[in-house]
Amino acid sequence: MTRIAVVGGGRIGEALVAGLLESGRATKDLVVVEPAAARAAQLAERFKIRVSKSVADAVEGADIVVIAVKPGVVDSVLTDLSKADLDNGRDQVLVSLAAGVTTARLESKLPAGFPVVRVMSNTPMLVGQGMCVLSPGRYAKPEELEQVGEMLEAVGKVVTVPEAQMDAVTAVSGSGPAYFFLVVEAMVDAGVALGLTREVANELVVQTMIGSAALLDETGQSAVDLRAAVTSPGGTTAAALRELERGALRSTFIEALHAAKHRSAEHGASNE
C-alpha cells in the first residue's frame, strides 16, 4: 500500500487523514507531523496513527508527502525536508495544499527532478465533499498525478488544470464556499423579515441549497435548464429573479471573482 506522510495536523490535514481512513487506508500507512503536543495526542487518540514532531522522521519511507500547512509555514517545512533523506530508493512525490505556493518554488527547494503536485482544495473537504484541483510540476509523471488524484478522491472530487489557471480556480472553488454562505445568510435574513423564525428559515434555506446542488450533480442538467424549470411565466420565482437581475447579481459575481483571481495572483507573487 502507498505510505502517506501528512505534514500539518490542522483541520485540512485532519480531514485528509479521516477521509483516507474511511476509504480503507490502513493506519500503519499514515503518519502526521504535528509539533503541538496536545494536538498530536488528540490526533493519535482519534485515528490510532503515528504522529511525529519531526518532518525528517515522518517522510522516511513515505511514497507521498503532503504539505498541509498555511503558506507562511511552507518555507520552514521545505527547510526540514531539505534535511530529510528524500527519494531514498523510492518514487516519492510531494503534494502541496498550501494556497498560492507555486510548483516552481517548491521544486527549487527540493532535490533536482523531484516530482511536485500543487493542489487547491476547499473547506467542504472537511465533510468529504471537497473540490480538489491538481496542477503537476515539471517533473511529475502522469502515473504520479493519478496516484495523487486517487488519494484526494477520499475527500471529494478531483480535476486537473494547468498551473496558469490556479488563480481562477482559487476564485471559483477555493473561495467559492464563502459566496454560498453569504447567499444563505442573506436568504435567512430575508426569511426572518418575512415572518419566519430564524431556525425555520435556516432549515429551509440550507436544505434548499443541498437539494439544488444534488439536482445539478445528479441530473446532469445545466443550471440554466433547472432554473427555467422552476420559473413559471409571471410567477413568484420570475418576480424574484427579476429583482435579482435588477440588482446586478450576475455582473456583481463576475466582478467579485475577477477580484478574487487578482488577489490570488498578488498572493502568489508575494510568496515567490
C-alpha atoms as a PDB file:
ATOM      1  CA  MET A   1       0.000   0.000   0.000  1.00  0.00           C
ATOM      2  CA  THR A   2       1.046   3.604  -0.567  1.00  0.00           C
ATOM      3  CA  ARG A   3       2.548   5.205   2.526  1.00  0.00           C
ATOM      4  CA  ILE A   4       1.496   8.802   3.134  1.00  0.00           C
ATOM      5  CA  ALA A   5       3.076  11.434   5.380  1.00  0.00           C
ATOM      6  CA  VAL A   6       0.880  14.453   6.132  1.00  0.00           C
ATOM      7  CA  VAL A   7       2.858  17.467   7.329  1.00  0.00           C
ATOM      8  CA  GLY A   8       0.393  19.539   9.333  1.00  0.00           C
ATOM      9  CA  GLY A   9      -2.220  18.353  11.804  1.00  0.00           C
ATOM     10  CA  GLY A  10      -4.680  21.221  11.384  1.00  0.00           C
ATOM     11  CA  ARG A  11      -8.221  20.973  10.046  1.00  0.00           C
ATOM     12  CA  ILE A  12      -7.189  20.226   6.468  1.00  0.00           C
ATOM     13  CA  GLY A  13      -4.623  17.611   7.464  1.00  0.00           C
ATOM     14  CA  GLU A  14      -7.140  16.044   9.828  1.00  0.00           C
ATOM     15  CA  ALA A  15      -9.821  15.985   7.124  1.00  0.00           C
ATOM     16  CA  LEU A  16      -7.455  14.272   4.704  1.00  0.00           C
ATOM     17  CA  VAL A  17      -6.475  11.623   7.247  1.00  0.00           C
ATOM     18  CA  ALA A  18     -10.117  10.995   8.173  1.00  0.00           C
ATOM     19  CA  GLY A  19     -11.080  10.602   4.515  1.00  0.00           C
ATOM     20  CA  LEU A  20      -8.190   8.272   3.791  1.00  0.00           C
ATOM     21  CA  LEU A  21      -9.031   6.017   6.724  1.00  0.00           C
ATOM     22  CA  GLU A  22     -12.720   5.966   5.791  1.00  0.00           C
ATOM     23  CA  SER A  23     -11.770   4.964   2.238  1.00  0.00           C
ATOM     24  CA  GLY A  24      -9.911   1.931   3.544  1.00  0.00           C
ATOM     25  CA  ARG A  25      -6.322   3.072   4.039  1.00  0.00           C
ATOM     26  CA  ALA A  26      -4.522   1.216   6.809  1.00  0.00           C
ATOM     27  CA  THR A  27      -3.464   3.170   9.884  1.00  0.00           C
ATOM     28  CA  LYS A  28       0.065   1.798   9.520  1.00  0.00           C
ATOM     29  CA  ASP A  29       0.383   3.552   6.155  1.00  0.00           C
ATOM     30  CA  LEU A  30      -0.303   7.039   7.552  1.00  0.00           C
ATOM     31  CA  VAL A  31       1.801   9.373   9.655  1.00  0.00           C
ATOM     32  CA  VAL A  32       1.129  13.001  10.614  1.00  0.00           C
ATOM     33  CA  VAL A  33       3.631  15.690  11.569  1.00  0.00           C
ATOM     34  CA  GLU A  34       2.291  17.862  14.386  1.00  0.00           C
ATOM     35  CA  PRO A  35       4.652  19.744  16.752  1.00  0.00           C
ATOM     36  CA  ALA A  36       1.976  20.827  19.257  1.00  0.00           C
ATOM     37  CA  ALA A  37       1.872  18.113  21.906  1.00  0.00           C
ATOM     38  CA  ALA A  38      -1.805  18.478  22.810  1.00  0.00           C
ATOM     39  CA  ARG A  39      -2.917  18.424  19.195  1.00  0.00           C
ATOM     40  CA  ALA A  40      -0.609  15.486  18.427  1.00  0.00           C
ATOM     41  CA  ALA A  41      -2.132  13.487  21.278  1.00  0.00           C
ATOM     42  CA  GLN A  42      -5.629  14.334  20.068  1.00  0.00           C
ATOM     43  CA  LEU A  43      -4.885  13.088  16.538  1.00  0.00           C
ATOM     44  CA  ALA A  44      -3.174   9.925  17.765  1.00  0.00           C
ATOM     45  CA  GLU A  45      -6.123   9.134  20.021  1.00  0.00           C
ATOM     46  CA  ARG A  46      -8.769   9.753  17.378  1.00  0.00           C
ATOM     47  CA  PHE A  47      -7.139   7.968  14.452  1.00  0.00           C
ATOM     48  CA  LYS A  48      -4.784   5.480  16.126  1.00  0.00           C
ATOM     49  CA  ILE A  49      -1.994   6.567  13.775  1.00  0.00           C
ATOM     50  CA  ARG A  50       1.604   7.556  14.345  1.00  0.00           C
ATOM     51  CA  VAL A  51       2.097  11.280  14.989  1.00  0.00           C
ATOM     52  CA  SER A  52       5.617  12.692  14.890  1.00  0.00           C
ATOM     53  CA  LYS A  53       7.194  16.031  15.732  1.00  0.00           C
ATOM     54  CA  SER A  54       9.858  15.533  13.067  1.00  0.00           C
ATOM     55  CA  VAL A  55       9.373  16.086   9.348  1.00  0.00           C
ATOM     56  CA  ALA A  56      12.502  14.089   8.547  1.00  0.00           C
ATOM     57  CA  ASP A  57      11.282  11.165  10.647  1.00  0.00           C
ATOM     58  CA  ALA A  58       7.785  11.174   9.125  1.00  0.00           C
ATOM     59  CA  VAL A  59       8.808  11.334   5.462  1.00  0.00           C
ATOM     60  CA  GLU A  60      11.265   8.458   5.727  1.00  0.00           C
ATOM     61  CA  GLY A  61       9.738   5.618   3.724  1.00  0.00           C
ATOM     62  CA  ALA A  62       6.753   7.701   2.559  1.00  0.00           C
ATOM     63  CA  ASP A  63       5.584   7.448  -1.046  1.00  0.00           C
ATOM     64  CA  ILE A  64       3.538  10.658  -0.869  1.00  0.00           C
ATOM     65  CA  VAL A  65       4.496  13.650   1.272  1.00  0.00           C
ATOM     66  CA  VAL A  66       1.609  16.083   1.766  1.00  0.00           C
ATOM     67  CA  ILE A  67       2.236  19.666   2.901  1.00  0.00           C
ATOM     68  CA  ALA A  68      -0.966  20.726   4.661  1.00  0.00           C
ATOM     69  CA  VAL A  69       0.130  23.945   6.383  1.00  0.00           C
ATOM     70  CA  LYS A  70      -0.510  27.649   5.926  1.00  0.00           C
ATOM     71  CA  PRO A  71       1.546  29.348   3.178  1.00  0.00           C
ATOM     72  CA  GLY A  72       3.669  31.206   5.718  1.00  0.00           C
ATOM     73  CA  VAL A  73       4.884  27.924   7.217  1.00  0.00           C
ATOM     74  CA  VAL A  74       5.875  26.316   3.905  1.00  0.00           C
ATOM     75  CA  ASP A  75       9.463  27.628   3.921  1.00  0.00           C
ATOM     76  CA  SER A  76      10.051  26.098   7.345  1.00  0.00           C
ATOM     77  CA  VAL A  77       8.683  22.749   6.138  1.00  0.00           C
ATOM     78  CA  LEU A  78      10.844  22.890   3.000  1.00  0.00           C
ATOM     79  CA  THR A  79      13.895  23.581   5.154  1.00  0.00           C
ATOM     80  CA  ASP A  80      13.094  20.500   7.224  1.00  0.00           C
ATOM     81  CA  LEU A  81      12.547  18.463   4.064  1.00  0.00           C
ATOM     82  CA  SER A  82      15.951  19.521   2.748  1.00  0.00           C
ATOM     83  CA  LYS A  83      17.455  17.730   5.753  1.00  0.00           C
ATOM     84  CA  ALA A  84      15.468  14.539   5.154  1.00  0.00           C
ATOM     85  CA  ASP A  85      16.530  11.519   3.147  1.00  0.00           C
ATOM     86  CA  LEU A  86      14.134  12.109   0.263  1.00  0.00           C
ATOM     87  CA  ASP A  87      13.704   9.596  -2.564  1.00  0.00           C
ATOM     88  CA  ASN A  88      15.864   7.014  -0.836  1.00  0.00           C
ATOM     89  CA  GLY A  89      15.286   4.303  -3.413  1.00  0.00           C
ATOM     90  CA  ARG A  90      11.573   5.170  -3.647  1.00  0.00           C
ATOM     91  CA  ASP A  91       9.406   7.007  -6.159  1.00  0.00           C
ATOM     92  CA  GLN A  92       8.301   9.803  -3.874  1.00  0.00           C
ATOM     93  CA  VAL A  93       6.077  12.741  -4.764  1.00  0.00           C
ATOM     94  CA  LEU A  94       5.416  15.984  -2.886  1.00  0.00           C
ATOM     95  CA  VAL A  95       1.839  17.272  -2.717  1.00  0.00           C
ATOM     96  CA  SER A  96       1.233  20.854  -1.571  1.00  0.00           C
ATOM     97  CA  LEU A  97      -2.147  22.037  -0.269  1.00  0.00           C
ATOM     98  CA  ALA A  98      -0.689  25.453   0.607  1.00  0.00           C
ATOM     99  CA  ALA A  99      -2.552  28.189  -1.249  1.00  0.00           C
ATOM    100  CA  GLY A 100      -0.535  30.400  -3.596  1.00  0.00           C
ATOM    101  CA  VAL A 101       2.709  28.403  -3.436  1.00  0.00           C
ATOM    102  CA  THR A 102       3.851  27.554  -6.965  1.00  0.00           C
ATOM    103  CA  THR A 103       5.371  24.281  -8.080  1.00  0.00           C
ATOM    104  CA  ALA A 104       8.479  26.191  -9.226  1.00  0.00           C
ATOM    105  CA  ARG A 105       9.044  27.497  -5.717  1.00  0.00           C
ATOM    106  CA  LEU A 106       8.630  24.024  -4.238  1.00  0.00           C
ATOM    107  CA  GLU A 107      10.897  22.424  -6.834  1.00  0.00           C
ATOM    108  CA  SER A 108      13.618  24.992  -6.165  1.00  0.00           C
ATOM    109  CA  LYS A 109      13.887  23.781  -2.559  1.00  0.00           C
ATOM    110  CA  LEU A 110      13.894  20.049  -3.349  1.00  0.00           C
ATOM    111  CA  PRO A 111      16.412  17.662  -4.950  1.00  0.00           C
ATOM    112  CA  ALA A 112      16.718  18.165  -8.715  1.00  0.00           C
ATOM    113  CA  GLY A 113      13.907  16.490 -10.627  1.00  0.00           C
ATOM    114  CA  PHE A 114      11.752  15.830  -7.563  1.00  0.00           C
ATOM    115  CA  PRO A 115       8.067  15.462  -8.607  1.00  0.00           C
ATOM    116  CA  VAL A 116       5.638  18.018  -7.179  1.00  0.00           C
ATOM    117  CA  VAL A 117       1.859  18.358  -7.440  1.00  0.00           C
ATOM    118  CA  ARG A 118       0.120  21.562  -6.366  1.00  0.00           C
ATOM    119  CA  VAL A 119      -3.448  21.311  -5.064  1.00  0.00           C
ATOM    120  CA  MET A 120      -6.144  23.898  -4.471  1.00  0.00           C
ATOM    121  CA  SER A 121      -8.804  22.413  -2.205  1.00  0.00           C
ATOM    122  CA  ASN A 122     -11.711  23.969  -0.342  1.00  0.00           C
ATOM    123  CA  THR A 123     -13.321  23.640   3.072  1.00  0.00           C
ATOM    124  CA  PRO A 124     -16.080  21.138   2.124  1.00  0.00           C
ATOM    125  CA  MET A 125     -13.317  18.520   2.190  1.00  0.00           C
ATOM    126  CA  LEU A 126     -13.885  18.668   5.959  1.00  0.00           C
ATOM    127  CA  VAL A 127     -17.105  16.713   5.324  1.00  0.00           C
ATOM    128  CA  GLY A 128     -15.809  14.618   2.422  1.00  0.00           C
ATOM    129  CA  GLN A 129     -17.292  16.905  -0.253  1.00  0.00           C
ATOM    130  CA  GLY A 130     -14.275  18.938  -1.262  1.00  0.00           C
ATOM    131  CA  MET A 131     -13.218  20.130  -4.693  1.00  0.00           C
ATOM    132  CA  CYS A 132      -9.533  19.394  -5.194  1.00  0.00           C
ATOM    133  CA  VAL A 133      -7.842  20.827  -8.269  1.00  0.00           C
ATOM    134  CA  LEU A 134      -4.419  19.478  -9.246  1.00  0.00           C
ATOM    135  CA  SER A 135      -1.578  21.037 -11.228  1.00  0.00           C
ATOM    136  CA  PRO A 136       1.553  18.965 -11.860  1.00  0.00           C
ATOM    137  CA  GLY A 137       5.030  20.412 -11.659  1.00  0.00           C
ATOM    138  CA  ARG A 138       7.674  19.937 -14.335  1.00  0.00           C
ATOM    139  CA  TYR A 139       8.783  16.517 -13.140  1.00  0.00           C
ATOM    140  CA  ALA A 140       5.510  14.877 -12.073  1.00  0.00           C
ATOM    141  CA  LYS A 141       4.705  11.863 -14.241  1.00  0.00           C
ATOM    142  CA  PRO A 142       1.143  11.016 -15.327  1.00  0.00           C
ATOM    143  CA  GLU A 143       1.087   7.965 -13.052  1.00  0.00           C
ATOM    144  CA  GLU A 144       2.157  10.106 -10.087  1.00  0.00           C
ATOM    145  CA  LEU A 145      -0.572  12.632 -10.830  1.00  0.00           C
ATOM    146  CA  GLU A 146      -3.075   9.770 -10.999  1.00  0.00           C
ATOM    147  CA  GLN A 147      -1.831   8.425  -7.667  1.00  0.00           C
ATOM    148  CA  VAL A 148      -2.325  11.833  -6.036  1.00  0.00           C
ATOM    149  CA  GLY A 149      -5.792  12.136  -7.563  1.00  0.00           C
ATOM    150  CA  GLU A 150      -6.806   8.750  -6.187  1.00  0.00           C
ATOM    151  CA  MET A 151      -5.626   9.813  -2.736  1.00  0.00           C
ATOM    152  CA  LEU A 152      -7.632  13.047  -2.795  1.00  0.00           C
ATOM    153  CA  GLU A 153     -10.806  11.342  -4.010  1.00  0.00           C
ATOM    154  CA  ALA A 154     -11.124  10.246  -0.379  1.00  0.00           C
ATOM    155  CA  VAL A 155     -12.235  13.811   0.474  1.00  0.00           C
ATOM    156  CA  GLY A 156     -14.217  14.832  -2.607  1.00  0.00           C
ATOM    157  CA  LYS A 157     -13.938  15.310  -6.345  1.00  0.00           C
ATOM    158  CA  VAL A 158     -10.735  15.891  -8.296  1.00  0.00           C
ATOM    159  CA  VAL A 159      -9.919  17.690 -11.541  1.00  0.00           C
ATOM    160  CA  THR A 160      -6.615  18.673 -13.168  1.00  0.00           C
ATOM    161  CA  VAL A 161      -5.787  22.036 -14.775  1.00  0.00           C
ATOM    162  CA  PRO A 162      -2.627  23.800 -15.978  1.00  0.00           C
ATOM    163  CA  GLU A 163      -0.990  25.753 -13.180  1.00  0.00           C
ATOM    164  CA  ALA A 164      -1.620  29.017 -15.061  1.00  0.00           C
ATOM    165  CA  GLN A 165      -5.323  28.542 -14.242  1.00  0.00           C
ATOM    166  CA  MET A 166      -4.845  28.136 -10.498  1.00  0.00           C
ATOM    167  CA  ASP A 167      -5.698  31.757  -9.667  1.00  0.00           C
ATOM    168  CA  ALA A 168      -9.020  31.325 -11.487  1.00  0.00           C
ATOM    169  CA  VAL A 169      -9.601  28.042  -9.640  1.00  0.00           C
ATOM    170  CA  THR A 170      -8.950  29.833  -6.346  1.00  0.00           C
ATOM    171  CA  ALA A 171     -11.529  32.473  -7.248  1.00  0.00           C
ATOM    172  CA  VAL A 172     -14.193  29.948  -8.264  1.00  0.00           C
ATOM    173  CA  SER A 173     -13.882  26.955  -5.928  1.00  0.00           C
ATOM    174  CA  GLY A 174     -11.216  27.834  -3.372  1.00  0.00           C
ATOM    175  CA  SER A 175     -13.121  30.907  -2.190  1.00  0.00           C
ATOM    176  CA  GLY A 176     -16.447  29.633  -3.526  1.00  0.00           C
ATOM    177  CA  PRO A 177     -17.927  28.262  -0.287  1.00  0.00           C
ATOM    178  CA  ALA A 178     -17.899  31.761   1.207  1.00  0.00           C
ATOM    179  CA  TYR A 179     -20.081  33.059  -1.628  1.00  0.00           C
ATOM    180  CA  PHE A 180     -22.708  30.392  -0.954  1.00  0.00           C
ATOM    181  CA  PHE A 181     -22.555  31.028   2.779  1.00  0.00           C
ATOM    182  CA  LEU A 182     -23.210  34.724   2.124  1.00  0.00           C
ATOM    183  CA  VAL A 183     -26.230  33.843  -0.027  1.00  0.00           C
ATOM    184  CA  VAL A 184     -27.518  31.607   2.769  1.00  0.00           C
ATOM    185  CA  GLU A 185     -27.071  34.443   5.287  1.00  0.00           C
ATOM    186  CA  ALA A 186     -28.996  36.829   3.063  1.00  0.00           C
ATOM    187  CA  MET A 187     -31.838  34.387   2.382  1.00  0.00           C
ATOM    188  CA  VAL A 188     -32.182  33.501   6.064  1.00  0.00           C
ATOM    189  CA  ASP A 189     -32.326  37.194   6.985  1.00  0.00           C
ATOM    190  CA  ALA A 190     -34.967  37.706   4.292  1.00  0.00           C
ATOM    191  CA  GLY A 191     -36.977  34.776   5.627  1.00  0.00           C
ATOM    192  CA  VAL A 192     -36.924  36.281   9.107  1.00  0.00           C
ATOM    193  CA  ALA A 193     -38.049  39.606   7.655  1.00  0.00           C
ATOM    194  CA  LEU A 194     -40.963  37.760   6.058  1.00  0.00           C
ATOM    195  CA  GLY A 195     -42.074  36.452   9.445  1.00  0.00           C
ATOM    196  CA  LEU A 196     -40.335  33.071   9.780  1.00  0.00           C
ATOM    197  CA  THR A 197     -38.315  32.144  12.836  1.00  0.00           C
ATOM    198  CA  ARG A 198     -34.559  32.122  12.217  1.00  0.00           C
ATOM    199  CA  GLU A 199     -34.434  28.389  12.940  1.00  0.00           C
ATOM    200  CA  VAL A 200     -37.091  27.571  10.359  1.00  0.00           C
ATOM    201  CA  ALA A 201     -35.644  29.992   7.800  1.00  0.00           C
ATOM    202  CA  ASN A 202     -32.189  28.449   8.213  1.00  0.00           C
ATOM    203  CA  GLU A 203     -33.531  24.907   7.765  1.00  0.00           C
ATOM    204  CA  LEU A 204     -35.477  25.905   4.657  1.00  0.00           C
ATOM    205  CA  VAL A 205     -32.523  27.653   3.055  1.00  0.00           C
ATOM    206  CA  VAL A 206     -29.871  25.041   3.870  1.00  0.00           C
ATOM    207  CA  GLN A 207     -31.987  22.116   2.641  1.00  0.00           C
ATOM    208  CA  THR A 208     -32.949  24.054  -0.481  1.00  0.00           C
ATOM    209  CA  MET A 209     -29.259  24.598  -1.217  1.00  0.00           C
ATOM    210  CA  ILE A 210     -28.409  20.938  -0.589  1.00  0.00           C
ATOM    211  CA  GLY A 211     -31.281  19.762  -2.786  1.00  0.00           C
ATOM    212  CA  SER A 212     -30.446  22.196  -5.564  1.00  0.00           C
ATOM    213  CA  ALA A 213     -26.799  21.099  -5.584  1.00  0.00           C
ATOM    214  CA  ALA A 214     -27.917  17.458  -5.724  1.00  0.00           C
ATOM    215  CA  LEU A 215     -30.149  18.221  -8.719  1.00  0.00           C
ATOM    216  CA  LEU A 216     -27.233  19.832 -10.543  1.00  0.00           C
ATOM    217  CA  ASP A 217     -24.904  16.968  -9.697  1.00  0.00           C
ATOM    218  CA  GLU A 218     -27.196  14.005 -10.269  1.00  0.00           C
ATOM    219  CA  THR A 219     -29.418  15.021 -13.193  1.00  0.00           C
ATOM    220  CA  GLY A 220     -26.670  16.319 -15.449  1.00  0.00           C
ATOM    221  CA  GLN A 221     -28.890  19.257 -16.400  1.00  0.00           C
ATOM    222  CA  SER A 222     -27.418  22.742 -16.583  1.00  0.00           C
ATOM    223  CA  ALA A 223     -28.186  25.479 -14.080  1.00  0.00           C
ATOM    224  CA  VAL A 224     -29.915  27.369 -16.893  1.00  0.00           C
ATOM    225  CA  ASP A 225     -32.286  24.469 -17.616  1.00  0.00           C
ATOM    226  CA  LEU A 226     -33.047  23.784 -13.964  1.00  0.00           C
ATOM    227  CA  ARG A 227     -33.723  27.450 -13.267  1.00  0.00           C
ATOM    228  CA  ALA A 228     -36.086  27.613 -16.237  1.00  0.00           C
ATOM    229  CA  ALA A 229     -37.933  24.522 -14.997  1.00  0.00           C
ATOM    230  CA  VAL A 230     -38.991  26.267 -11.777  1.00  0.00           C
ATOM    231  CA  THR A 231     -39.670  29.676 -13.321  1.00  0.00           C
ATOM    232  CA  SER A 232     -43.273  29.950 -14.468  1.00  0.00           C
ATOM    233  CA  PRO A 233     -44.123  32.975 -16.623  1.00  0.00           C
ATOM    234  CA  GLY A 234     -45.396  35.752 -14.385  1.00  0.00           C
ATOM    235  CA  GLY A 235     -44.975  33.619 -11.276  1.00  0.00           C
ATOM    236  CA  THR A 236     -43.330  34.142  -7.905  1.00  0.00           C
ATOM    237  CA  THR A 237     -39.913  32.856  -8.994  1.00  0.00           C
ATOM    238  CA  ALA A 238     -39.932  35.102 -12.052  1.00  0.00           C
ATOM    239  CA  ALA A 239     -40.725  38.104  -9.839  1.00  0.00           C
ATOM    240  CA  ALA A 240     -37.839  37.303  -7.506  1.00  0.00           C
ATOM    241  CA  LEU A 241     -35.358  36.664 -10.321  1.00  0.00           C
ATOM    242  CA  ARG A 242     -36.314  39.964 -11.938  1.00  0.00           C
ATOM    243  CA  GLU A 243     -35.309  41.769  -8.739  1.00  0.00           C
ATOM    244  CA  LEU A 244     -32.019  39.870  -8.516  1.00  0.00           C
ATOM    245  CA  GLU A 245     -31.160  40.768 -12.095  1.00  0.00           C
ATOM    246  CA  ARG A 246     -32.158  44.391 -11.473  1.00  0.00           C
ATOM    247  CA  GLY A 247     -29.710  44.344  -8.546  1.00  0.00           C
ATOM    248  CA  ALA A 248     -26.950  43.293 -10.959  1.00  0.00           C
ATOM    249  CA  LEU A 249     -26.375  39.945  -9.216  1.00  0.00           C
ATOM    250  CA  ARG A 250     -24.791  38.339 -12.276  1.00  0.00           C
ATOM    251  CA  SER A 251     -22.356  41.151 -13.071  1.00  0.00           C
ATOM    252  CA  THR A 252     -21.514  41.529  -9.363  1.00  0.00           C
ATOM    253  CA  PHE A 253     -20.488  37.868  -9.207  1.00  0.00           C
ATOM    254  CA  ILE A 254     -18.335  38.323 -12.295  1.00  0.00           C
ATOM    255  CA  GLU A 255     -16.588  41.320 -10.755  1.00  0.00           C
ATOM    256  CA  ALA A 256     -16.220  39.527  -7.417  1.00  0.00           C
ATOM    257  CA  LEU A 257     -14.496  36.521  -8.990  1.00  0.00           C
ATOM    258  CA  HIS A 258     -12.213  38.779 -11.007  1.00  0.00           C
ATOM    259  CA  ALA A 259     -11.235  40.496  -7.740  1.00  0.00           C
ATOM    260  CA  ALA A 260     -10.555  37.139  -6.075  1.00  0.00           C
ATOM    261  CA  LYS A 261      -8.430  35.976  -9.001  1.00  0.00           C
ATOM    262  CA  HIS A 262      -6.434  39.218  -8.917  1.00  0.00           C
ATOM    263  CA  ARG A 263      -5.816  38.912  -5.170  1.00  0.00           C
ATOM    264  CA  SER A 264      -4.775  35.268  -5.602  1.00  0.00           C
ATOM    265  CA  ALA A 265      -2.207  36.318  -8.197  1.00  0.00           C
ATOM    266  CA  GLU A 266      -0.899  39.000  -5.807  1.00  0.00           C
ATOM    267  CA  HIS A 267      -0.524  36.462  -3.023  1.00  0.00           C
ATOM    268  CA  GLY A 268       1.264  34.069  -5.361  1.00  0.00           C
ATOM    269  CA  ALA A 269       3.716  36.775  -6.365  1.00  0.00           C
ATOM    270  CA  SER A 270       4.395  37.695  -2.746  1.00  0.00           C
ATOM    271  CA  ASN A 271       5.130  34.043  -1.945  1.00  0.00           C
ATOM    272  CA  GLU A 272       7.853  33.789  -4.567  1.00  0.00           C
END
